[in-house]
Amino acid sequence: MDHVSNDLIGLQRARPRPNRRAIAVAWALRLAGNLITGIAIGAGIAAGLMLAG
């Protein structure tokens, strides 16, 4: 019985380790998306200013 309870306690304490590569890729994609959005907004403003004269 002690063996079973020790196994259950071990399962509760065991946490999956975060996948650092997946976290880094998600962060890089978010950063790239923000950068592309900023460039698109800047290009739109520049085009609007050129058309406005």
PDB file of N, CA and C in Angstrom:
ATOM      1  N   MET A   1       0.824  -1.200   0.000  1.00  0.00           N
ATOM      2  CA  MET A   1       0.000   0.000   0.000  1.00  0.00           C
ATOM      3  C   MET A   1       0.865   1.259   0.000  1.00  0.00           C
ATOM      4  N   ASP A   2       1.967   1.218   0.735  1.00  0.00           N
ATOM      5  CA  ASP A   2       2.862   2.377   0.747  1.00  0.00           C
ATOM      6  C   ASP A   2       3.444   2.634  -0.641  1.00  0.00           C
ATOM      7  N   HIS A   3       3.717   1.541  -1.334  1.00  0.00           N
ATOM      8  CA  HIS A   3       4.278   1.675  -2.679  1.00  0.00           C
ATOM      9  C   HIS A   3       3.292   2.394  -3.608  1.00  0.00           C
ATOM     10  N   VAL A   4       2.026   2.054  -3.500  1.00  0.00           N
ATOM     11  CA  VAL A   4       0.998   2.678  -4.339  1.00  0.00           C
ATOM     12  C   VAL A   4       0.863   4.157  -4.005  1.00  0.00           C
ATOM     13  N   SER A   5       0.836   4.486  -2.723  1.00  0.00           N
ATOM     14  CA  SER A   5       0.699   5.897  -2.345  1.00  0.00           C
ATOM     15  C   SER A   5       1.930   6.695  -2.755  1.00  0.00           C
ATOM     16  N   ASN A   6       3.109   6.095  -2.663  1.00  0.00           N
ATOM     17  CA  ASN A   6       4.324   6.789  -3.103  1.00  0.00           C
ATOM     18  C   ASN A   6       4.296   7.043  -4.607  1.00  0.00           C
ATOM     19  N   ASP A   7       3.769   6.081  -5.362  1.00  0.00           N
ATOM     20  CA  ASP A   7       3.651   6.272  -6.809  1.00  0.00           C
ATOM     21  C   ASP A   7       2.680   7.400  -7.137  1.00  0.00           C
ATOM     22  N   LEU A   8       1.569   7.456  -6.408  1.00  0.00           N
ATOM     23  CA  LEU A   8       0.594   8.518  -6.655  1.00  0.00           C
ATOM     24  C   LEU A   8       1.168   9.887  -6.305  1.00  0.00           C
ATOM     25  N   ILE A   9       1.916   9.962  -5.215  1.00  0.00           N
ATOM     26  CA  ILE A   9       2.552  11.230  -4.841  1.00  0.00           C
ATOM     27  C   ILE A   9       3.571  11.627  -5.904  1.00  0.00           C
ATOM     28  N   GLY A  10       4.301  10.653  -6.414  1.00  0.00           N
ATOM     29  CA  GLY A  10       5.276  10.935  -7.468  1.00  0.00           C
ATOM     30  C   GLY A  10       4.618  11.444  -8.734  1.00  0.00           C
ATOM     31  N   LEU A  11       3.447  10.911  -9.068  1.00  0.00           N
ATOM     32  CA  LEU A  11       2.732  11.379 -10.254  1.00  0.00           C
ATOM     33  C   LEU A  11       2.235  12.808 -10.072  1.00  0.00           C
ATOM     34  N   GLN A  12       1.823  13.145  -8.861  1.00  0.00           N
ATOM     35  CA  GLN A  12       1.346  14.498  -8.613  1.00  0.00           C
ATOM     36  C   GLN A  12       2.486  15.504  -8.678  1.00  0.00           C
ATOM     37  N   ARG A  13       3.652  15.109  -8.242  1.00  0.00           N
ATOM     38  CA  ARG A  13       4.795  16.026  -8.217  1.00  0.00           C
ATOM     39  C   ARG A  13       5.484  16.134  -9.570  1.00  0.00           C
ATOM     40  N   ALA A  14       5.348  15.111 -10.391  1.00  0.00           N
ATOM     41  CA  ALA A  14       6.025  15.112 -11.689  1.00  0.00           C
ATOM     42  C   ALA A  14       5.325  16.094 -12.618  1.00  0.00           C
ATOM     43  N   ARG A  15       6.052  17.093 -13.033  1.00  0.00           N
ATOM     44  CA  ARG A  15       5.509  18.074 -13.973  1.00  0.00           C
ATOM     45  C   ARG A  15       6.290  17.979 -15.277  1.00  0.00           C
ATOM     46  N   PRO A  16       5.600  18.113 -16.378  1.00  0.00           N
ATOM     47  CA  PRO A  16       6.332  18.080 -17.648  1.00  0.00           C
ATOM     48  C   PRO A  16       7.227  19.308 -17.775  1.00  0.00           C
ATOM     49  N   ARG A  17       8.426  19.081 -18.248  1.00  0.00           N
ATOM     50  CA  ARG A  17       9.360  20.186 -18.438  1.00  0.00           C
ATOM     51  C   ARG A  17       8.951  20.975 -19.668  1.00  0.00           C
ATOM     52  N   PRO A  18       9.014  22.282 -19.593  1.00  0.00           N
ATOM     53  CA  PRO A  18       8.638  23.079 -20.767  1.00  0.00           C
ATOM     54  C   PRO A  18       9.639  22.866 -21.900  1.00  0.00           C
ATOM     55  N   ASN A  19       9.121  22.808 -23.091  1.00  0.00           N
ATOM     56  CA  ASN A  19       9.967  22.644 -24.262  1.00  0.00           C
ATOM     57  C   ASN A  19      10.541  24.013 -24.626  1.00  0.00           C
ATOM     58  N   ARG A  20      11.803  24.201 -24.326  1.00  0.00           N
ATOM     59  CA  ARG A  20      12.427  25.516 -24.515  1.00  0.00           C
ATOM     60  C   ARG A  20      12.476  25.923 -25.985  1.00  0.00           C
ATOM     61  N   ARG A  21      12.656  24.953 -26.848  1.00  0.00           N
ATOM     62  CA  ARG A  21      12.694  25.278 -28.276  1.00  0.00           C
ATOM     63  C   ARG A  21      11.338  25.789 -28.747  1.00  0.00           C
ATOM     64  N   ALA A  22      10.276  25.152 -28.309  1.00  0.00           N
ATOM     65  CA  ALA A  22       8.933  25.588 -28.700  1.00  0.00           C
ATOM     66  C   ALA A  22       8.635  26.980 -28.155  1.00  0.00           C
ATOM     67  N   ILE A  23       9.076  27.247 -26.937  1.00  0.00           N
ATOM     68  CA  ILE A  23       8.875  28.573 -26.354  1.00  0.00           C
ATOM     69  C   ILE A  23       9.654  29.618 -27.145  1.00  0.00           C
ATOM     70  N   ALA A  24      10.890  29.304 -27.509  1.00  0.00           N
ATOM     71  CA  ALA A  24      11.715  30.246 -28.268  1.00  0.00           C
ATOM     72  C   ALA A  24      11.128  30.504 -29.652  1.00  0.00           C
ATOM     73  N   VAL A  25      10.631  29.465 -30.303  1.00  0.00           N
ATOM     74  CA  VAL A  25      10.037  29.629 -31.631  1.00  0.00           C
ATOM     75  C   VAL A  25       8.766  30.473 -31.546  1.00  0.00           C
ATOM     76  N   ALA A  26       7.940  30.218 -30.536  1.00  0.00           N
ATOM     77  CA  ALA A  26       6.715  31.005 -30.377  1.00  0.00           C
ATOM     78  C   ALA A  26       7.046  32.470 -30.121  1.00  0.00           C
ATOM     79  N   TRP A  27       8.056  32.718 -29.310  1.00  0.00           N
ATOM     80  CA  TRP A  27       8.465  34.097 -29.016  1.00  0.00           C
ATOM     81  C   TRP A  27       9.010  34.773 -30.271  1.00  0.00           C
ATOM     82  N   ALA A  28       9.824  34.049 -31.052  1.00  0.00           N
ATOM     83  CA  ALA A  28      10.395  34.614 -32.273  1.00  0.00           C
ATOM     84  C   ALA A  28       9.305  34.918 -33.303  1.00  0.00           C
ATOM     85  N   LEU A  29       8.318  34.036 -33.424  1.00  0.00           N
ATOM     86  CA  LEU A  29       7.227  34.282 -34.371  1.00  0.00           C
ATOM     87  C   LEU A  29       6.387  35.481 -33.951  1.00  0.00           C
ATOM     88  N   ARG A  30       6.165  35.623 -32.660  1.00  0.00           N
ATOM     89  CA  ARG A  30       5.405  36.787 -32.181  1.00  0.00           C
ATOM     90  C   ARG A  30       6.186  38.069 -32.458  1.00  0.00           C
ATOM     91  N   LEU A  31       7.486  38.041 -32.213  1.00  0.00           N
ATOM     92  CA  LEU A  31       8.322  39.214 -32.468  1.00  0.00           C
ATOM     93  C   LEU A  31       8.339  39.557 -33.957  1.00  0.00           C
ATOM     94  N   ALA A  32       8.471  38.534 -34.805  1.00  0.00           N
ATOM     95  CA  ALA A  32       8.482  38.770 -36.249  1.00  0.00           C
ATOM     96  C   ALA A  32       7.138  39.323 -36.719  1.00  0.00           C
ATOM     97  N   GLY A  33       6.059  38.814 -36.166  1.00  0.00           N
ATOM     98  CA  GLY A  33       4.739  39.325 -36.536  1.00  0.00           C
ATOM     99  C   GLY A  33       4.568  40.781 -36.154  1.00  0.00           C
ATOM    100  N   ASN A  34       5.038  41.141 -34.963  1.00  0.00           N
ATOM    101  CA  ASN A  34       4.956  42.540 -34.537  1.00  0.00           C
ATOM    102  C   ASN A  34       5.819  43.435 -35.418  1.00  0.00           C
ATOM    103  N   LEU A  35       6.989  42.941 -35.795  1.00  0.00           N
ATOM    104  CA  LEU A  35       7.887  43.719 -36.648  1.00  0.00           C
ATOM    105  C   LEU A  35       7.261  43.939 -38.024  1.00  0.00           C
ATOM    106  N   ILE A  36       6.691  42.897 -38.601  1.00  0.00           N
ATOM    107  CA  ILE A  36       6.063  43.015 -39.920  1.00  0.00           C
ATOM    108  C   ILE A  36       4.865  43.959 -39.862  1.00  0.00           C
ATOM    109  N   THR A  37       4.099  43.880 -38.780  1.00  0.00           N
ATOM    110  CA  THR A  37       2.960  44.789 -38.624  1.00  0.00           C
ATOM    111  C   THR A  37       3.433  46.234 -38.563  1.00  0.00           C
ATOM    112  N   GLY A  38       4.492  46.487 -37.819  1.00  0.00           N
ATOM    113  CA  GLY A  38       5.043  47.841 -37.724  1.00  0.00           C
ATOM    114  C   GLY A  38       5.542  48.357 -39.056  1.00  0.00           C
ATOM    115  N   ILE A  39       6.199  47.495 -39.815  1.00  0.00           N
ATOM    116  CA  ILE A  39       6.697  47.899 -41.133  1.00  0.00           C
ATOM    117  C   ILE A  39       5.529  48.206 -42.069  1.00  0.00           C
ATOM    118  N   ALA A  40       4.479  47.385 -42.021  1.00  0.00           N
ATOM    119  CA  ALA A  40       3.314  47.616 -42.879  1.00  0.00           C
ATOM    120  C   ALA A  40       2.622  48.928 -42.520  1.00  0.00           C
ATOM    121  N   ILE A  41       2.510  49.217 -41.238  1.00  0.00           N
ATOM    122  CA  ILE A  41       1.894  50.483 -40.823  1.00  0.00           C
ATOM    123  C   ILE A  41       2.749  51.660 -41.285  1.00  0.00           C
ATOM    124  N   GLY A  42       4.058  51.548 -41.111  1.00  0.00           N
ATOM    125  CA  GLY A  42       4.959  52.616 -41.553  1.00  0.00           C
ATOM    126  C   GLY A  42       4.901  52.829 -43.051  1.00  0.00           C
ATOM    127  N   ALA A  43       4.840  51.735 -43.814  1.00  0.00           N
ATOM    128  CA  ALA A  43       4.752  51.861 -45.271  1.00  0.00           C
ATOM    129  C   ALA A  43       3.426  52.501 -45.675  1.00  0.00           C
ATOM    130  N   GLY A  44       2.357  52.166 -44.981  1.00  0.00           N
ATOM    131  CA  GLY A  44       1.061  52.776 -45.276  1.00  0.00           C
ATOM    132  C   GLY A  44       1.056  54.263 -44.990  1.00  0.00           C
ATOM    133  N   ILE A  45       1.663  54.654 -43.886  1.00  0.00           N
ATOM    134  CA  ILE A  45       1.748  56.084 -43.561  1.00  0.00           C
ATOM    135  C   ILE A  45       2.601  56.810 -44.594  1.00  0.00           C
ATOM    136  N   ALA A  46       3.726  56.203 -44.981  1.00  0.00           N
ATOM    137  CA  ALA A  46       4.594  56.831 -45.977  1.00  0.00           C
ATOM    138  C   ALA A  46       3.870  56.978 -47.313  1.00  0.00           C
ATOM    139  N   ALA A  47       3.136  55.948 -47.721  1.00  0.00           N
ATOM    140  CA  ALA A  47       2.397  56.028 -48.985  1.00  0.00           C
ATOM    141  C   ALA A  47       1.313  57.099 -48.899  1.00  0.00           C
ATOM    142  N   GLY A  48       0.651  57.193 -47.770  1.00  0.00           N
ATOM    143  CA  GLY A  48      -0.372  58.218 -47.600  1.00  0.00           C
ATOM    144  C   GLY A  48       0.205  59.618 -47.655  1.00  0.00           C
ATOM    145  N   LEU A  49       1.365  59.802 -47.052  1.00  0.00           N
ATOM    146  CA  LEU A  49       2.009  61.119 -47.089  1.00  0.00           C
ATOM    147  C   LEU A  49       2.476  61.475 -48.500  1.00  0.00           C
ATOM    148  N   MET A  50       2.940  60.466 -49.251  1.00  0.00           N
ATOM    149  CA  MET A  50       3.369  60.732 -50.625  1.00  0.00           C
ATOM    150  C   MET A  50       2.171  61.121 -51.493  1.00  0.00           C
ATOM    151  N   LEU A  51       1.060  60.446 -51.307  1.00  0.00           N
ATOM    152  CA  LEU A  51      -0.131  60.762 -52.094  1.00  0.00           C
ATOM    153  C   LEU A  51      -0.716  62.118 -51.708  1.00  0.00           C
ATOM    154  N   ALA A  52      -0.579  62.466 -50.434  1.00  0.00           N
ATOM    155  CA  ALA A  52      -1.124  63.740 -49.970  1.00  0.00           C
ATOM    156  C   ALA A  52      -0.281  64.914 -50.457  1.00  0.00           C
ATOM    157  N   GLY A  53       0.938  64.610 -50.794  1.00  0.00           N
ATOM    158  CA  GLY A  53       1.745  65.636 -51.417  1.00  0.00           C
ATOM    159  C   GLY A  53       2.656  66.341 -50.518  1.00  0.00           C
TER     160      GLY A  53
END
